[in-house]
Protein backbone atom coordinates (compact mmCIF):
# COMPACT_ATOMS: atom_id res chain seq x y z
CA MET A 1 149.62 40.81 83.15
CA LYS A 2 152.12 38.73 81.23
CA ARG A 3 150.84 35.36 80.06
CA SER A 4 153.75 33.79 81.95
CA GLU A 5 152.43 35.34 85.21
CA ILE A 6 148.97 33.98 84.49
CA ASN A 7 150.34 30.51 83.72
CA ALA A 8 152.33 30.51 86.98
CA ALA A 9 149.25 31.61 88.95
CA LEU A 10 147.16 28.83 87.40
CA LYS A 11 149.73 26.20 88.32
CA ASP A 12 150.02 27.57 91.88
CA MET A 13 146.27 27.27 92.34
CA GLU A 14 146.18 23.79 90.83
CA ALA A 15 148.84 22.68 93.31
CA MET A 16 146.85 24.12 96.24
CA ILE A 17 143.68 22.41 95.05
CA LYS A 18 145.48 19.07 94.90
CA GLU A 19 146.93 19.66 98.38
CA CYS A 20 143.40 20.23 99.70
CA ARG A 21 142.15 17.11 97.86
CA PHE A 22 139.51 19.00 95.88
CA ALA A 23 138.67 17.43 92.49
CA LEU A 24 137.83 19.77 89.60
CA PRO A 25 135.32 19.17 86.78
CA PRO A 26 136.82 17.99 83.45
CA PHE A 27 136.52 21.33 81.62
CA CYS A 28 139.03 22.88 84.02
CA GLY A 29 141.69 20.58 82.57
CA PHE A 30 141.13 21.35 78.86
CA THR A 31 144.12 22.78 77.02
CA PRO A 32 143.78 25.71 74.58
CA GLU A 33 144.16 23.23 71.71
CA GLU A 34 141.39 21.03 73.08
CA TRP A 35 139.03 24.02 73.37
CA LYS A 36 139.29 24.58 69.60
CA ASP A 37 137.41 21.30 69.03
CA LYS A 38 134.70 21.70 71.69
CA GLY A 39 131.23 22.19 70.22
CA HIS A 40 127.91 23.54 71.48
CA GLU A 41 127.74 20.84 74.15
CA TYR A 42 129.96 23.21 76.18
CA ASP A 43 127.88 26.35 75.62
CA GLU A 44 127.05 26.51 79.33
CA VAL A 45 130.77 26.87 80.12
CA ARG A 46 131.18 29.64 77.54
CA ASP A 47 127.94 31.53 78.15
CA ASN A 48 128.18 31.51 81.96
CA MET A 49 131.94 32.14 82.16
CA LEU A 50 132.80 28.91 83.93
CA GLY A 51 136.44 28.04 84.41
CA TRP A 52 139.68 29.83 85.25
CA ASP A 53 139.88 33.51 86.14
CA ILE A 54 143.08 35.36 87.05
CA THR A 55 142.95 39.08 87.74
CA ASP A 56 145.21 41.91 88.82
CA TYR A 57 142.27 44.35 88.50
CA GLY A 58 144.21 46.15 85.77
CA LEU A 59 146.66 47.56 88.33
CA GLY A 60 149.74 45.52 87.39
CA ASN A 61 150.67 44.29 90.87
CA PHE A 62 149.28 40.75 91.01
CA ASP A 63 151.57 39.55 93.81
CA LYS A 64 149.99 42.09 96.19
CA LEU A 65 146.60 42.98 94.70
CA GLY A 66 145.22 40.03 92.80
CA PHE A 67 143.24 36.85 92.91
CA SER A 68 143.01 33.42 91.28
CA LEU A 69 139.55 31.90 90.85
CA ILE A 70 137.61 29.09 89.22
CA THR A 71 133.88 29.32 88.57
CA ILE A 72 132.69 25.72 88.83
CA ARG A 73 128.97 26.27 88.24
CA ASN A 74 126.81 29.30 87.50
CA GLY A 75 123.40 30.33 86.27
CA ASN A 76 122.73 33.26 83.97
CA ILE A 77 120.21 35.96 84.87
CA LYS A 78 120.30 37.28 81.29
CA ASP A 79 119.53 33.99 79.54
CA PRO A 80 116.37 32.13 80.63
CA LYS A 81 117.50 28.83 79.11
CA TYR A 82 119.88 28.45 82.07
CA LYS A 83 117.78 27.56 85.10
CA LYS A 84 120.38 27.53 87.88
CA THR A 85 119.81 30.24 90.47
CA TYR A 86 123.18 29.62 92.15
CA ALA A 87 126.93 29.62 91.58
CA GLU A 88 130.01 28.02 93.09
CA LYS A 89 133.63 29.17 92.95
CA LEU A 90 137.05 28.36 94.29
CA LEU A 91 139.27 31.31 95.15
CA TYR A 92 142.99 31.32 95.94
CA LEU A 93 145.12 33.84 97.79
CA LYS A 94 148.84 33.26 98.02
CA GLU A 95 151.12 34.73 100.67
CA GLY A 96 150.95 38.53 100.63
CA GLN A 97 147.91 38.84 98.35
CA CYS A 98 144.68 40.70 98.90
CA SER A 99 141.68 41.70 96.80
CA PRO A 100 140.09 45.16 96.84
CA MET A 101 137.08 46.50 98.69
CA HIS A 102 133.81 45.96 96.81
CA PHE A 103 130.18 44.98 97.13
CA HIS A 104 127.59 43.30 94.92
CA TRP A 105 124.27 44.93 94.08
CA ASN A 106 122.44 41.62 93.65
CA LYS A 107 124.53 38.64 94.70
CA MET A 108 124.44 37.12 98.18
CA GLU A 109 127.31 34.75 98.86
CA ASP A 110 128.92 32.55 101.48
CA ILE A 111 132.72 32.67 101.59
CA ILE A 112 134.19 29.49 103.09
CA ASN A 113 137.78 28.80 104.08
CA ARG A 114 138.33 25.41 102.42
CA GLY A 115 141.90 24.91 103.58
CA GLY A 116 145.39 26.30 104.07
CA GLY A 117 145.95 29.43 106.12
CA ASN A 118 143.57 32.10 107.40
CA VAL A 119 141.77 34.82 105.48
CA LEU A 120 140.82 38.25 106.87
CA ILE A 121 137.66 39.86 105.50
CA ARG A 122 137.10 43.53 106.32
CA VAL A 123 133.45 44.61 106.34
CA TYR A 124 131.57 47.92 106.05
CA ASN A 125 127.94 48.71 105.45
CA SER A 126 127.39 50.97 102.45
CA THR A 127 125.75 54.38 102.52
CA GLU A 128 123.14 55.24 99.87
CA ASP A 129 125.83 57.05 97.84
CA GLY A 130 128.28 54.13 97.98
CA LYS A 131 130.57 55.30 100.78
CA PHE A 132 131.62 53.43 103.90
CA ALA A 133 128.94 53.73 106.59
CA ASP A 134 130.12 54.36 110.15
CA THR A 135 127.65 51.83 111.52
CA ASP A 136 128.05 48.46 113.18
CA VAL A 137 128.00 45.46 110.86
CA THR A 138 125.98 42.33 111.58
CA VAL A 139 128.12 39.28 110.81
CA ASN A 140 126.51 35.93 109.99
CA SER A 141 129.01 33.10 110.30
CA ASP A 142 128.33 29.36 110.53
CA GLY A 143 124.96 29.74 112.24
CA ARG A 144 126.13 32.51 114.56
CA SER A 145 125.03 36.16 114.30
CA TYR A 146 127.01 38.92 116.03
CA THR A 147 127.89 42.60 115.61
CA VAL A 148 131.27 44.24 114.92
CA PRO A 149 132.34 47.87 114.44
CA ALA A 150 132.66 49.23 110.90
CA GLY A 151 135.96 48.24 109.30
CA THR A 152 136.53 45.13 111.43
CA GLN A 153 138.51 42.31 109.85
CA VAL A 154 136.72 39.01 110.39
CA ARG A 155 139.15 36.09 110.54
CA LEU A 156 138.14 32.84 108.85
CA CYS A 157 140.18 29.79 109.81
CA PRO A 158 139.87 26.56 107.78
CA GLY A 159 136.26 25.35 107.83
CA GLU A 160 134.78 28.73 108.83
CA SER A 161 132.56 30.89 106.65
CA ILE A 162 130.82 34.26 106.43
CA THR A 163 127.66 35.33 104.60
CA ILE A 164 128.05 38.46 102.47
CA TYR A 165 124.79 40.26 101.68
CA PRO A 166 124.24 42.75 98.82
CA TYR A 167 125.62 46.23 99.53
CA LEU A 168 128.00 44.89 102.20
CA TYR A 169 131.49 46.13 101.39
CA HIS A 170 134.16 43.46 101.85
CA ASP A 171 137.71 42.68 100.85
CA PHE A 172 139.98 39.65 101.26
CA GLU A 173 143.46 39.50 102.75
CA GLN A 174 145.63 36.45 103.35
CA GLU A 175 146.73 36.56 106.99
CA LYS A 176 150.51 36.85 107.01
CA GLY A 177 152.40 33.86 108.32
CA THR A 178 149.49 31.41 108.03
CA GLY A 179 150.09 30.22 104.46
CA PRO A 180 148.14 30.43 101.21
CA VAL A 181 144.37 30.04 101.40
CA LEU A 182 141.86 28.13 99.30
CA LEU A 183 138.39 29.64 99.61
CA GLY A 184 135.02 28.40 98.45
CA GLU A 185 132.17 30.62 97.35
CA VAL A 186 128.54 29.48 97.27
CA SER A 187 126.25 32.20 95.98
CA MET A 188 123.40 33.40 93.86
CA CYS A 189 124.15 33.69 90.13
CA ASN A 190 127.43 35.45 89.47
CA ASP A 191 127.82 38.29 86.95
CA ASP A 192 131.29 39.80 87.01
CA ASN A 193 130.48 42.20 84.17
CA THR A 194 127.72 44.17 85.93
CA ASP A 195 127.47 43.20 89.62
CA ASN A 196 130.76 44.39 91.13
CA ARG A 197 130.93 47.82 92.76
CA PHE A 198 134.57 48.56 93.62
CA TYR A 199 135.17 51.27 96.19
CA GLU A 200 138.02 52.61 94.06
CA GLU A 201 137.64 52.54 90.29
CA MET A 202 139.47 49.62 88.67
CA GLY A 203 139.09 46.92 86.08
CA ARG A 204 138.04 43.30 86.53
CA PHE A 205 139.85 41.33 83.83
CA PRO A 206 143.56 41.76 83.03
CA GLU A 207 145.19 43.13 79.91
CA ILE A 208 147.40 40.26 78.75
CA GLU A 209 150.88 40.50 77.27
CA GLU A 210 151.53 37.31 75.31
CA ASP A 211 155.10 36.35 76.24
CA GLU A 212 154.51 32.55 76.15
CA PRO A 213 151.77 30.10 75.11
CA ALA A 214 148.70 29.84 77.34
CA TYR A 215 148.62 26.92 79.77
CA ARG A 216 144.83 27.18 80.22
CA LEU A 217 142.30 29.56 78.72
CA LEU A 218 140.63 32.04 81.05
CA CYS A 219 136.85 32.19 81.28
CA ASN A 220 136.67 35.19 78.91
CA GLU A 221 138.96 33.64 76.27
CA TYR A 222 137.07 30.63 74.89
CA PRO A 223 137.01 30.42 71.09
CA ASP A 224 133.71 30.47 69.22
CA VAL A 225 132.33 27.15 68.02
CA LYS A 226 133.43 26.39 64.49
């Protein structure tokens, strides 16, 4: 992705967050210059990849297959000094965007529609060899449990949520005509380096072409402490 695309995506998500009256923690507002002077007091942000995350999954078509995210809090299963067993994210889909089919080996998560339009989440159970199972899926949503056929798209309107268990394939699609969507994610610890199983092989973090200065640093770009 071009840095200019990333900057535009960040600003779009910031505008949506303000529209939904969601306040972000201070570190989300640090500029790249400010990060150069941040010491070890912000190690938790660096070590646990808190902050902004824009991805096109390495496929170069962000407007159709991409996602904007912020990790607000997170533990770290690889570092015992971090005691949190949970994570929280905000996720943003603009008109026409979707994210690819995947599951998590370890993480259980609730996806919540925090505001805006509707999101469609397609669900499949996984077979032992990682294929789509042709079996009914049990959906857990806001205290209700029910069953849907494999491949069903579950619609989440603002305020609604779904629980995603490990090995449950799912994707995200903004429902056309309803407007951009701000999602929340409340989950077990998040590890984007080892806990994503995409149905089709793809990357997780974008290759960046530097065509203008960065507006914000992404969660994998923080400078080392001087």
